[in-house]
Structure formats: structure tokens, C-alpha cells
Amino acid sequence: VIRNVLGSREQREVQKALNILGESIIKLQSADEELTPEDKELA
């Protein structure tokens, strides 16, 4: 039962989190040239 629940729900949520983080990295990298020096430090 635990494997069934973890396999379908938690694994899906962990994968979603990894996808969102990957997308965030891409967004930060693509905006790099437009950022001010202060924004680059925050990035």
C-alpha cells in the first residue's frame, strides 16, 4: 500500500518540483544579459 501511494503521488510531486526548478534555471540564465549588476547578484 505504501509503495502504491508513494509510487504514484509522491514520485509525481518530486518530479514536478524538479521540472519547475529546471525551468527556473533556464529563465534565470536567459535573462542574465538584461539584468543589472544588483539583479545578477540576486540571480
PDB file of all heavy atoms in Angstrom:
ATOM      1  N   VAL A   1       0.850  -1.195   0.000  1.00  0.00           N
ATOM      2  CA  VAL A   1       0.000   0.000   0.000  1.00  0.00           C
ATOM      3  C   VAL A   1       0.886   1.246   0.000  1.00  0.00           C
ATOM      4  O   VAL A   1       0.666   2.183  -0.787  1.00  0.00           O
ATOM      5  CB  VAL A   1      -0.963   0.004   1.209  1.00  0.00           C
ATOM      6  CG1 VAL A   1      -1.652   1.350   1.358  1.00  0.00           C
ATOM      7  CG2 VAL A   1      -1.987  -1.120   1.081  1.00  0.00           C
ATOM      8  N   ILE A   2       1.897   1.257   0.850  1.00  0.00           N
ATOM      9  CA  ILE A   2       2.799   2.408   0.920  1.00  0.00           C
ATOM     10  C   ILE A   2       3.512   2.600  -0.411  1.00  0.00           C
ATOM     11  O   ILE A   2       3.616   3.720  -0.918  1.00  0.00           O
ATOM     12  CB  ILE A   2       3.804   2.247   2.080  1.00  0.00           C
ATOM     13  CG1 ILE A   2       3.066   2.389   3.414  1.00  0.00           C
ATOM     14  CG2 ILE A   2       4.942   3.245   1.977  1.00  0.00           C
ATOM     15  CD1 ILE A   2       3.874   1.996   4.624  1.00  0.00           C
ATOM     16  N   ARG A   3       4.009   1.501  -1.005  1.00  0.00           N
ATOM     17  CA  ARG A   3       4.678   1.619  -2.307  1.00  0.00           C
ATOM     18  C   ARG A   3       3.724   2.148  -3.374  1.00  0.00           C
ATOM     19  O   ARG A   3       4.105   2.969  -4.202  1.00  0.00           O
ATOM     20  CB  ARG A   3       5.269   0.271  -2.721  1.00  0.00           C
ATOM     21  CG  ARG A   3       6.560  -0.066  -2.003  1.00  0.00           C
ATOM     22  CD  ARG A   3       7.284  -1.239  -2.641  1.00  0.00           C
ATOM     23  NE  ARG A   3       6.559  -2.477  -2.548  1.00  0.00           N
ATOM     24  CZ  ARG A   3       6.687  -3.377  -1.581  1.00  0.00           C
ATOM     25  NH1 ARG A   3       7.517  -3.152  -0.604  1.00  0.00           N
ATOM     26  NH2 ARG A   3       5.994  -4.495  -1.598  1.00  0.00           N
ATOM     27  N   ASN A   4       2.474   1.687  -3.361  1.00  0.00           N
ATOM     28  CA  ASN A   4       1.496   2.152  -4.344  1.00  0.00           C
ATOM     29  C   ASN A   4       1.266   3.652  -4.207  1.00  0.00           C
ATOM     30  O   ASN A   4       1.251   4.380  -5.200  1.00  0.00           O
ATOM     31  CB  ASN A   4       0.160   1.427  -4.178  1.00  0.00           C
ATOM     32  CG  ASN A   4       0.221  -0.027  -4.567  1.00  0.00           C
ATOM     33  OD1 ASN A   4       1.148  -0.469  -5.227  1.00  0.00           O
ATOM     34  ND2 ASN A   4      -0.770  -0.783  -4.136  1.00  0.00           N
ATOM     35  N   VAL A   5       1.063   4.105  -2.983  1.00  0.00           N
ATOM     36  CA  VAL A   5       0.772   5.527  -2.750  1.00  0.00           C
ATOM     37  C   VAL A   5       1.992   6.370  -3.081  1.00  0.00           C
ATOM     38  O   VAL A   5       1.895   7.366  -3.802  1.00  0.00           O
ATOM     39  CB  VAL A   5       0.288   5.757  -1.304  1.00  0.00           C
ATOM     40  CG1 VAL A   5       0.192   7.249  -0.997  1.00  0.00           C
ATOM     41  CG2 VAL A   5      -1.062   5.081  -1.086  1.00  0.00           C
ATOM     42  N   LEU A   6       3.149   5.974  -2.565  1.00  0.00           N
ATOM     43  CA  LEU A   6       4.359   6.749  -2.841  1.00  0.00           C
ATOM     44  C   LEU A   6       4.701   6.727  -4.321  1.00  0.00           C
ATOM     45  O   LEU A   6       5.144   7.729  -4.869  1.00  0.00           O
ATOM     46  CB  LEU A   6       5.540   6.199  -2.040  1.00  0.00           C
ATOM     47  CG  LEU A   6       5.515   6.417  -0.539  1.00  0.00           C
ATOM     48  CD1 LEU A   6       6.732   5.751   0.100  1.00  0.00           C
ATOM     49  CD2 LEU A   6       5.452   7.880  -0.181  1.00  0.00           C
ATOM     50  N   GLY A   7       4.495   5.591  -4.936  1.00  0.00           N
ATOM     51  CA  GLY A   7       4.851   5.442  -6.347  1.00  0.00           C
ATOM     52  C   GLY A   7       4.060   6.344  -7.253  1.00  0.00           C
ATOM     53  O   GLY A   7       4.570   6.860  -8.226  1.00  0.00           O
ATOM     54  N   SER A   8       2.816   6.569  -6.928  1.00  0.00           N
ATOM     55  CA  SER A   8       2.014   7.363  -7.844  1.00  0.00           C
ATOM     56  C   SER A   8       1.939   8.827  -7.447  1.00  0.00           C
ATOM     57  O   SER A   8       1.955   9.691  -8.299  1.00  0.00           O
ATOM     58  CB  SER A   8       0.613   6.773  -7.978  1.00  0.00           C
ATOM     59  OG  SER A   8       0.037   6.585  -6.723  1.00  0.00           O
ATOM     60  N   ARG A   9       1.862   9.121  -6.179  1.00  0.00           N
ATOM     61  CA  ARG A   9       1.652  10.503  -5.769  1.00  0.00           C
ATOM     62  C   ARG A   9       2.963  11.226  -5.484  1.00  0.00           C
ATOM     63  O   ARG A   9       3.256  12.252  -6.096  1.00  0.00           O
ATOM     64  CB  ARG A   9       0.746  10.551  -4.542  1.00  0.00           C
ATOM     65  CG  ARG A   9       0.379  11.959  -4.144  1.00  0.00           C
ATOM     66  CD  ARG A   9      -0.640  12.008  -3.054  1.00  0.00           C
ATOM     67  NE  ARG A   9      -0.092  11.536  -1.793  1.00  0.00           N
ATOM     68  CZ  ARG A   9      -0.771  11.524  -0.665  1.00  0.00           C
ATOM     69  NH1 ARG A   9      -2.005  11.929  -0.626  1.00  0.00           N
ATOM     70  NH2 ARG A   9      -0.218  11.098   0.440  1.00  0.00           N
ATOM     71  N   GLU A  10       3.754  10.714  -4.562  1.00  0.00           N
ATOM     72  CA  GLU A  10       4.953  11.417  -4.148  1.00  0.00           C
ATOM     73  C   GLU A  10       5.986  11.510  -5.262  1.00  0.00           C
ATOM     74  O   GLU A  10       6.602  12.537  -5.450  1.00  0.00           O
ATOM     75  CB  GLU A  10       5.540  10.777  -2.888  1.00  0.00           C
ATOM     76  CG  GLU A  10       4.942  11.296  -1.591  1.00  0.00           C
ATOM     77  CD  GLU A  10       3.464  10.996  -1.385  1.00  0.00           C
ATOM     78  OE1 GLU A  10       2.916  10.117  -2.082  1.00  0.00           O
ATOM     79  OE2 GLU A  10       2.839  11.653  -0.543  1.00  0.00           O
ATOM     80  N   GLN A  11       6.165  10.430  -6.017  1.00  0.00           N
ATOM     81  CA  GLN A  11       7.123  10.491  -7.117  1.00  0.00           C
ATOM     82  C   GLN A  11       6.718  11.542  -8.143  1.00  0.00           C
ATOM     83  O   GLN A  11       7.559  12.254  -8.660  1.00  0.00           O
ATOM     84  CB  GLN A  11       7.262   9.134  -7.794  1.00  0.00           C
ATOM     85  CG  GLN A  11       8.256   8.239  -7.115  1.00  0.00           C
ATOM     86  CD  GLN A  11       8.586   7.037  -7.963  1.00  0.00           C
ATOM     87  OE1 GLN A  11       7.724   6.466  -8.606  1.00  0.00           O
ATOM     88  NE2 GLN A  11       9.837   6.635  -7.954  1.00  0.00           N
ATOM     89  N   ARG A  12       5.424  11.629  -8.399  1.00  0.00           N
ATOM     90  CA  ARG A  12       4.939  12.629  -9.363  1.00  0.00           C
ATOM     91  C   ARG A  12       5.221  14.040  -8.844  1.00  0.00           C
ATOM     92  O   ARG A  12       5.658  14.902  -9.601  1.00  0.00           O
ATOM     93  CB  ARG A  12       3.442  12.400  -9.591  1.00  0.00           C
ATOM     94  CG  ARG A  12       2.840  13.284 -10.645  1.00  0.00           C
ATOM     95  CD  ARG A  12       1.382  12.922 -10.950  1.00  0.00           C
ATOM     96  NE  ARG A  12       0.536  12.858  -9.774  1.00  0.00           N
ATOM     97  CZ  ARG A  12      -0.076  11.754  -9.328  1.00  0.00           C
ATOM     98  NH1 ARG A  12       0.064  10.612  -9.943  1.00  0.00           N
ATOM     99  NH2 ARG A  12      -0.834  11.803  -8.257  1.00  0.00           N
ATOM    100  N   GLU A  13       5.019  14.264  -7.551  1.00  0.00           N
ATOM    101  CA  GLU A  13       5.248  15.590  -6.977  1.00  0.00           C
ATOM    102  C   GLU A  13       6.728  15.956  -6.970  1.00  0.00           C
ATOM    103  O   GLU A  13       7.088  17.098  -7.238  1.00  0.00           O
ATOM    104  CB  GLU A  13       4.659  15.677  -5.567  1.00  0.00           C
ATOM    105  CG  GLU A  13       3.148  15.623  -5.540  1.00  0.00           C
ATOM    106  CD  GLU A  13       2.480  16.709  -6.379  1.00  0.00           C
ATOM    107  OE1 GLU A  13       2.924  17.873  -6.346  1.00  0.00           O
ATOM    108  OE2 GLU A  13       1.518  16.391  -7.094  1.00  0.00           O
ATOM    109  N   VAL A  14       7.588  14.989  -6.668  1.00  0.00           N
ATOM    110  CA  VAL A  14       9.026  15.251  -6.689  1.00  0.00           C
ATOM    111  C   VAL A  14       9.465  15.589  -8.111  1.00  0.00           C
ATOM    112  O   VAL A  14      10.235  16.525  -8.330  1.00  0.00           O
ATOM    113  CB  VAL A  14       9.815  14.043  -6.120  1.00  0.00           C
ATOM    114  CG1 VAL A  14      11.302  14.157  -6.424  1.00  0.00           C
ATOM    115  CG2 VAL A  14       9.579  13.914  -4.617  1.00  0.00           C
ATOM    116  N   GLN A  15       8.956  14.865  -9.096  1.00  0.00           N
ATOM    117  CA  GLN A  15       9.317  15.143 -10.484  1.00  0.00           C
ATOM    118  C   GLN A  15       8.824  16.529 -10.908  1.00  0.00           C
ATOM    119  O   GLN A  15       9.533  17.254 -11.598  1.00  0.00           O
ATOM    120  CB  GLN A  15       8.761  14.070 -11.427  1.00  0.00           C
ATOM    121  CG  GLN A  15       9.287  14.188 -12.835  1.00  0.00           C
ATOM    122  CD  GLN A  15      10.802  14.138 -12.906  1.00  0.00           C
ATOM    123  OE1 GLN A  15      11.443  13.239 -12.389  1.00  0.00           O
ATOM    124  NE2 GLN A  15      11.394  15.141 -13.541  1.00  0.00           N
ATOM    125  N   LYS A  16       7.620  16.908 -10.475  1.00  0.00           N
ATOM    126  CA  LYS A  16       7.114  18.256 -10.783  1.00  0.00           C
ATOM    127  C   LYS A  16       8.039  19.316 -10.204  1.00  0.00           C
ATOM    128  O   LYS A  16       8.344  20.312 -10.863  1.00  0.00           O
ATOM    129  CB  LYS A  16       5.707  18.449 -10.212  1.00  0.00           C
ATOM    130  CG  LYS A  16       4.599  17.864 -11.023  1.00  0.00           C
ATOM    131  CD  LYS A  16       3.257  18.215 -10.370  1.00  0.00           C
ATOM    132  CE  LYS A  16       2.106  17.459 -10.951  1.00  0.00           C
ATOM    133  NZ  LYS A  16       0.847  17.734 -10.244  1.00  0.00           N
ATOM    134  N   ALA A  17       8.464  19.112  -8.958  1.00  0.00           N
ATOM    135  CA  ALA A  17       9.352  20.078  -8.314  1.00  0.00           C
ATOM    136  C   ALA A  17      10.660  20.195  -9.096  1.00  0.00           C
ATOM    137  O   ALA A  17      11.149  21.313  -9.334  1.00  0.00           O
ATOM    138  CB  ALA A  17       9.624  19.671  -6.865  1.00  0.00           C
ATOM    139  N   LEU A  18      11.218  19.072  -9.509  1.00  0.00           N
ATOM    140  CA  LEU A  18      12.455  19.116 -10.294  1.00  0.00           C
ATOM    141  C   LEU A  18      12.253  19.823 -11.627  1.00  0.00           C
ATOM    142  O   LEU A  18      13.121  20.594 -12.068  1.00  0.00           O
ATOM    143  CB  LEU A  18      12.984  17.694 -10.518  1.00  0.00           C
ATOM    144  CG  LEU A  18      13.654  17.045  -9.305  1.00  0.00           C
ATOM    145  CD1 LEU A  18      13.887  15.557  -9.545  1.00  0.00           C
ATOM    146  CD2 LEU A  18      14.961  17.750  -8.965  1.00  0.00           C
ATOM    147  N   ASN A  19      11.116  19.604 -12.274  1.00  0.00           N
ATOM    148  CA  ASN A  19      10.820  20.290 -13.541  1.00  0.00           C
ATOM    149  C   ASN A  19      10.724  21.801 -13.336  1.00  0.00           C
ATOM    150  O   ASN A  19      11.263  22.576 -14.133  1.00  0.00           O
ATOM    151  CB  ASN A  19       9.527  19.763 -14.152  1.00  0.00           C
ATOM    152  CG  ASN A  19       9.657  18.345 -14.657  1.00  0.00           C
ATOM    153  OD1 ASN A  19      10.756  17.832 -14.845  1.00  0.00           O
ATOM    154  ND2 ASN A  19       8.531  17.689 -14.864  1.00  0.00           N
ATOM    155  N   ILE A  20      10.038  22.220 -12.290  1.00  0.00           N
ATOM    156  CA  ILE A  20       9.884  23.657 -12.015  1.00  0.00           C
ATOM    157  C   ILE A  20      11.241  24.293 -11.731  1.00  0.00           C
ATOM    158  O   ILE A  20      11.547  25.388 -12.222  1.00  0.00           O
ATOM    159  CB  ILE A  20       8.909  23.880 -10.847  1.00  0.00           C
ATOM    160  CG1 ILE A  20       7.482  23.540 -11.289  1.00  0.00           C
ATOM    161  CG2 ILE A  20       8.986  25.312 -10.317  1.00  0.00           C
ATOM    162  CD1 ILE A  20       6.467  23.462 -10.160  1.00  0.00           C
ATOM    163  N   LEU A  21      12.074  23.597 -10.961  1.00  0.00           N
ATOM    164  CA  LEU A  21      13.405  24.128 -10.661  1.00  0.00           C
ATOM    165  C   LEU A  21      14.234  24.233 -11.938  1.00  0.00           C
ATOM    166  O   LEU A  21      14.937  25.239 -12.143  1.00  0.00           O
ATOM    167  CB  LEU A  21      14.103  23.245  -9.629  1.00  0.00           C
ATOM    168  CG  LEU A  21      13.477  23.254  -8.236  1.00  0.00           C
ATOM    169  CD1 LEU A  21      14.111  22.184  -7.363  1.00  0.00           C
ATOM    170  CD2 LEU A  21      13.581  24.625  -7.595  1.00  0.00           C
ATOM    171  N   GLY A  22      14.157  23.247 -12.811  1.00  0.00           N
ATOM    172  CA  GLY A  22      14.880  23.292 -14.080  1.00  0.00           C
ATOM    173  C   GLY A  22      14.423  24.466 -14.939  1.00  0.00           C
ATOM    174  O   GLY A  22      15.246  25.165 -15.553  1.00  0.00           O
ATOM    175  N   GLU A  23      13.103  24.689 -14.976  1.00  0.00           N
ATOM    176  CA  GLU A  23      12.562  25.823 -15.732  1.00  0.00           C
ATOM    177  C   GLU A  23      13.038  27.148 -15.144  1.00  0.00           C
ATOM    178  O   GLU A  23      13.334  28.095 -15.886  1.00  0.00           O
ATOM    179  CB  GLU A  23      11.038  25.770 -15.742  1.00  0.00           C
ATOM    180  CG  GLU A  23      10.465  24.634 -16.571  1.00  0.00           C
ATOM    181  CD  GLU A  23       8.965  24.426 -16.339  1.00  0.00           C
ATOM    182  OE1 GLU A  23       8.328  25.253 -15.658  1.00  0.00           O
ATOM    183  OE2 GLU A  23       8.444  23.412 -16.854  1.00  0.00           O
ATOM    184  N   SER A  24      13.127  27.210 -13.833  1.00  0.00           N
ATOM    185  CA  SER A  24      13.592  28.436 -13.178  1.00  0.00           C
ATOM    186  C   SER A  24      15.035  28.748 -13.546  1.00  0.00           C
ATOM    187  O   SER A  24      15.391  29.901 -13.778  1.00  0.00           O
ATOM    188  CB  SER A  24      13.449  28.317 -11.660  1.00  0.00           C
ATOM    189  OG  SER A  24      12.098  28.217 -11.305  1.00  0.00           O
ATOM    190  N   ILE A  25      15.857  27.732 -13.622  1.00  0.00           N
ATOM    191  CA  ILE A  25      17.260  27.920 -14.010  1.00  0.00           C
ATOM    192  C   ILE A  25      17.338  28.474 -15.426  1.00  0.00           C
ATOM    193  O   ILE A  25      18.086  29.422 -15.702  1.00  0.00           O
ATOM    194  CB  ILE A  25      18.048  26.603 -13.878  1.00  0.00           C
ATOM    195  CG1 ILE A  25      18.217  26.250 -12.400  1.00  0.00           C
ATOM    196  CG2 ILE A  25      19.397  26.690 -14.591  1.00  0.00           C
ATOM    197  CD1 ILE A  25      18.781  24.868 -12.152  1.00  0.00           C
ATOM    198  N   ILE A  26      16.563  27.891 -16.323  1.00  0.00           N
ATOM    199  CA  ILE A  26      16.552  28.353 -17.715  1.00  0.00           C
ATOM    200  C   ILE A  26      16.114  29.823 -17.790  1.00  0.00           C
ATOM    201  O   ILE A  26      16.718  30.624 -18.510  1.00  0.00           O
ATOM    202  CB  ILE A  26      15.650  27.448 -18.585  1.00  0.00           C
ATOM    203  CG1 ILE A  26      16.284  26.061 -18.715  1.00  0.00           C
ATOM    204  CG2 ILE A  26      15.386  28.075 -19.947  1.00  0.00           C
ATOM    205  CD1 ILE A  26      15.375  25.013 -19.324  1.00  0.00           C
ATOM    206  N   LYS A  27      15.081  30.194 -17.047  1.00  0.00           N
ATOM    207  CA  LYS A  27      14.600  31.580 -17.039  1.00  0.00           C
ATOM    208  C   LYS A  27      15.675  32.534 -16.529  1.00  0.00           C
ATOM    209  O   LYS A  27      15.887  33.610 -17.106  1.00  0.00           O
ATOM    210  CB  LYS A  27      13.349  31.716 -16.177  1.00  0.00           C
ATOM    211  CG  LYS A  27      12.109  31.129 -16.782  1.00  0.00           C
ATOM    212  CD  LYS A  27      10.932  31.229 -15.822  1.00  0.00           C
ATOM    213  CE  LYS A  27       9.723  30.468 -16.348  1.00  0.00           C
ATOM    214  NZ  LYS A  27       8.625  30.439 -15.367  1.00  0.00           N
ATOM    215  N   LEU A  28      16.347  32.142 -15.458  1.00  0.00           N
ATOM    216  CA  LEU A  28      17.399  32.999 -14.910  1.00  0.00           C
ATOM    217  C   LEU A  28      18.557  33.142 -15.898  1.00  0.00           C
ATOM    218  O   LEU A  28      19.088  34.245 -16.087  1.00  0.00           O
ATOM    219  CB  LEU A  28      17.911  32.434 -13.583  1.00  0.00           C
ATOM    220  CG  LEU A  28      16.987  32.592 -12.386  1.00  0.00           C
ATOM    221  CD1 LEU A  28      17.516  31.802 -11.200  1.00  0.00           C
ATOM    222  CD2 LEU A  28      16.838  34.060 -12.018  1.00  0.00           C
ATOM    223  N   GLN A  29      18.953  32.050 -16.528  1.00  0.00           N
ATOM    224  CA  GLN A  29      20.052  32.097 -17.486  1.00  0.00           C
ATOM    225  C   GLN A  29      19.704  32.915 -18.720  1.00  0.00           C
ATOM    226  O   GLN A  29      20.537  33.667 -19.231  1.00  0.00           O
ATOM    227  CB  GLN A  29      20.472  30.679 -17.878  1.00  0.00           C
ATOM    228  CG  GLN A  29      21.147  29.932 -16.750  1.00  0.00           C
ATOM    229  CD  GLN A  29      21.365  28.465 -17.056  1.00  0.00           C
ATOM    230  OE1 GLN A  29      20.723  27.882 -17.927  1.00  0.00           O
ATOM    231  NE2 GLN A  29      22.262  27.839 -16.313  1.00  0.00           N
ATOM    232  N   SER A  30      18.460  32.823 -19.185  1.00  0.00           N
ATOM    233  CA  SER A  30      18.084  33.580 -20.385  1.00  0.00           C
ATOM    234  C   SER A  30      17.921  35.069 -20.101  1.00  0.00           C
ATOM    235  O   SER A  30      18.044  35.885 -21.007  1.00  0.00           O
ATOM    236  CB  SER A  30      16.805  33.005 -21.001  1.00  0.00           C
ATOM    237  OG  SER A  30      15.714  33.205 -20.132  1.00  0.00           O
ATOM    238  N   ALA A  31      17.681  35.437 -18.860  1.00  0.00           N
ATOM    239  CA  ALA A  31      17.509  36.851 -18.512  1.00  0.00           C
ATOM    240  C   ALA A  31      18.824  37.498 -18.092  1.00  0.00           C
ATOM    241  O   ALA A  31      18.869  38.709 -17.864  1.00  0.00           O
ATOM    242  CB  ALA A  31      16.491  36.987 -17.385  1.00  0.00           C
ATOM    243  N   ASP A  32      19.890  36.733 -18.019  1.00  0.00           N
ATOM    244  CA  ASP A  32      21.162  37.214 -17.465  1.00  0.00           C
ATOM    245  C   ASP A  32      21.665  38.506 -18.115  1.00  0.00           C
ATOM    246  O   ASP A  32      22.103  39.416 -17.419  1.00  0.00           O
ATOM    247  CB  ASP A  32      22.223  36.116 -17.568  1.00  0.00           C
ATOM    248  CG  ASP A  32      23.496  36.501 -16.850  1.00  0.00           C
ATOM    249  OD1 ASP A  32      23.412  36.760 -15.627  1.00  0.00           O
ATOM    250  OD2 ASP A  32      24.556  36.560 -17.508  1.00  0.00           O
ATOM    251  N   GLU A  33      21.607  38.597 -19.444  1.00  0.00           N
ATOM    252  CA  GLU A  33      22.147  39.772 -20.133  1.00  0.00           C
ATOM    253  C   GLU A  33      21.334  41.031 -19.862  1.00  0.00           C
ATOM    254  O   GLU A  33      21.849  42.140 -19.981  1.00  0.00           O
ATOM    255  CB  GLU A  33      22.230  39.498 -21.639  1.00  0.00           C
ATOM    256  CG  GLU A  33      23.285  38.478 -21.978  1.00  0.00           C
ATOM    257  CD  GLU A  33      23.397  38.258 -23.471  1.00  0.00           C
ATOM    258  OE1 GLU A  33      22.927  39.100 -24.259  1.00  0.00           O
ATOM    259  OE2 GLU A  33      23.967  37.218 -23.846  1.00  0.00           O
ATOM    260  N   GLU A  34      20.068  40.865 -19.480  1.00  0.00           N
ATOM    261  CA  GLU A  34      19.202  42.020 -19.238  1.00  0.00           C
ATOM    262  C   GLU A  34      19.265  42.513 -17.792  1.00  0.00           C
ATOM    263  O   GLU A  34      18.713  43.563 -17.481  1.00  0.00           O
ATOM    264  CB  GLU A  34      17.750  41.640 -19.557  1.00  0.00           C
ATOM    265  CG  GLU A  34      17.528  41.149 -20.963  1.00  0.00           C
ATOM    266  CD  GLU A  34      16.154  40.501 -21.128  1.00  0.00           C
ATOM    267  OE1 GLU A  34      15.293  40.637 -20.243  1.00  0.00           O
ATOM    268  OE2 GLU A  34      15.954  39.851 -22.170  1.00  0.00           O
ATOM    269  N   LEU A  35      19.922  41.766 -16.925  1.00  0.00           N
ATOM    270  CA  LEU A  35      19.912  42.087 -15.502  1.00  0.00           C
ATOM    271  C   LEU A  35      20.948  43.149 -15.141  1.00  0.00           C
ATOM    272  O   LEU A  35      22.025  43.204 -15.728  1.00  0.00           O
ATOM    273  CB  LEU A  35      20.184  40.823 -14.679  1.00  0.00           C
ATOM    274  CG  LEU A  35      19.188  39.675 -14.834  1.00  0.00           C
ATOM    275  CD1 LEU A  35      19.647  38.474 -14.008  1.00  0.00           C
ATOM    276  CD2 LEU A  35      17.790  40.097 -14.419  1.00  0.00           C
ATOM    277  N   THR A  36      20.592  43.958 -14.183  1.00  0.00           N
ATOM    278  CA  THR A  36      21.538  44.927 -13.622  1.00  0.00           C
ATOM    279  C   THR A  36      22.544  44.156 -12.760  1.00  0.00           C
ATOM    280  O   THR A  36      22.299  42.995 -12.402  1.00  0.00           O
ATOM    281  CB  THR A  36      20.808  45.955 -12.734  1.00  0.00           C
ATOM    282  OG1 THR A  36      20.263  45.268 -11.596  1.00  0.00           O
ATOM    283  CG2 THR A  36      19.711  46.679 -13.490  1.00  0.00           C
ATOM    284  N   PRO A  37      23.653  44.785 -12.413  1.00  0.00           N
ATOM    285  CA  PRO A  37      24.629  44.093 -11.553  1.00  0.00           C
ATOM    286  C   PRO A  37      24.006  43.608 -10.220  1.00  0.00           C
ATOM    287  O   PRO A  37      24.327  42.510  -9.760  1.00  0.00           O
ATOM    288  CB  PRO A  37      25.714  45.140 -11.310  1.00  0.00           C
ATOM    289  CG  PRO A  37      25.643  46.029 -12.522  1.00  0.00           C
ATOM    290  CD  PRO A  37      24.194  46.073 -12.901  1.00  0.00           C
ATOM    291  N   GLU A  38      23.114  44.425  -9.650  1.00  0.00           N
ATOM    292  CA  GLU A  38      22.453  44.012  -8.403  1.00  0.00           C
ATOM    293  C   GLU A  38      21.545  42.808  -8.648  1.00  0.00           C
ATOM    294  O   GLU A  38      21.507  41.873  -7.840  1.00  0.00           O
ATOM    295  CB  GLU A  38      21.626  45.161  -7.803  1.00  0.00           C
ATOM    296  CG  GLU A  38      22.420  46.379  -7.393  1.00  0.00           C
ATOM    297  CD  GLU A  38      22.689  47.330  -8.556  1.00  0.00           C
ATOM    298  OE1 GLU A  38      21.915  47.344  -9.544  1.00  0.00           O
ATOM    299  OE2 GLU A  38      23.703  48.035  -8.485  1.00  0.00           O
ATOM    300  N   ASP A  39      20.813  42.838  -9.759  1.00  0.00           N
ATOM    301  CA  ASP A  39      19.930  41.720 -10.095  1.00  0.00           C
ATOM    302  C   ASP A  39      20.728  40.449 -10.396  1.00  0.00           C
ATOM    303  O   ASP A  39      20.290  39.348 -10.065  1.00  0.00           O
ATOM    304  CB  ASP A  39      19.028  42.066 -11.288  1.00  0.00           C
ATOM    305  CG  ASP A  39      17.919  43.045 -10.907  1.00  0.00           C
ATOM    306  OD1 ASP A  39      17.638  43.198  -9.700  1.00  0.00           O
ATOM    307  OD2 ASP A  39      17.325  43.635 -11.833  1.00  0.00           O
ATOM    308  N   LYS A  40      21.912  40.626 -11.025  1.00  0.00           N
ATOM    309  CA  LYS A  40      22.758  39.460 -11.307  1.00  0.00           C
ATOM    310  C   LYS A  40      23.214  38.805 -10.010  1.00  0.00           C
ATOM    311  O   LYS A  40      23.284  37.577  -9.914  1.00  0.00           O
ATOM    312  CB  LYS A  40      23.966  39.854 -12.160  1.00  0.00           C
ATOM    313  CG  LYS A  40      23.617  40.095 -13.607  1.00  0.00           C
ATOM    314  CD  LYS A  40      24.850  40.367 -14.429  1.00  0.00           C
ATOM    315  CE  LYS A  40      24.420  40.623 -15.865  1.00  0.00           C
ATOM    316  NZ  LYS A  40      25.491  40.498 -16.822  1.00  0.00           N
ATOM    317  N   GLU A  41      23.522  39.636  -9.019  1.00  0.00           N
ATOM    318  CA  GLU A  41      23.927  39.083  -7.715  1.00  0.00           C
ATOM    319  C   GLU A  41      22.775  38.292  -7.094  1.00  0.00           C
ATOM    320  O   GLU A  41      22.971  37.198  -6.564  1.00  0.00           O
ATOM    321  CB  GLU A  41      24.360  40.226  -6.794  1.00  0.00           C
ATOM    322  CG  GLU A  41      24.966  39.745  -5.500  1.00  0.00           C
ATOM    323  CD  GLU A  41      25.506  40.901  -4.664  1.00  0.00           C
ATOM    324  OE1 GLU A  41      26.065  41.857  -5.241  1.00  0.00           O
ATOM    325  OE2 GLU A  41      25.346  40.812  -3.440  1.00  0.00           O
ATOM    326  N   LEU A  42      21.576  38.842  -7.180  1.00  0.00           N
ATOM    327  CA  LEU A  42      20.401  38.135  -6.648  1.00  0.00           C
ATOM    328  C   LEU A  42      20.129  36.860  -7.459  1.00  0.00           C
ATOM    329  O   LEU A  42      19.796  35.824  -6.886  1.00  0.00           O
ATOM    330  CB  LEU A  42      19.171  39.052  -6.665  1.00  0.00           C
ATOM    331  CG  LEU A  42      17.896  38.484  -6.052  1.00  0.00           C
ATOM    332  CD1 LEU A  42      18.114  38.060  -4.599  1.00  0.00           C
ATOM    333  CD2 LEU A  42      16.767  39.514  -6.144  1.00  0.00           C
ATOM    334  N   ALA A  43      20.326  36.928  -8.764  1.00  0.00           N
ATOM    335  CA  ALA A  43      20.121  35.756  -9.613  1.00  0.00           C
ATOM    336  C   ALA A  43      21.105  34.647  -9.238  1.00  0.00           C
ATOM    337  O   ALA A  43      20.736  33.466  -9.184  1.00  0.00           O
ATOM    338  CB  ALA A  43      20.272  36.127 -11.091  1.00  0.00           C
TER     339      ALA A  43
END
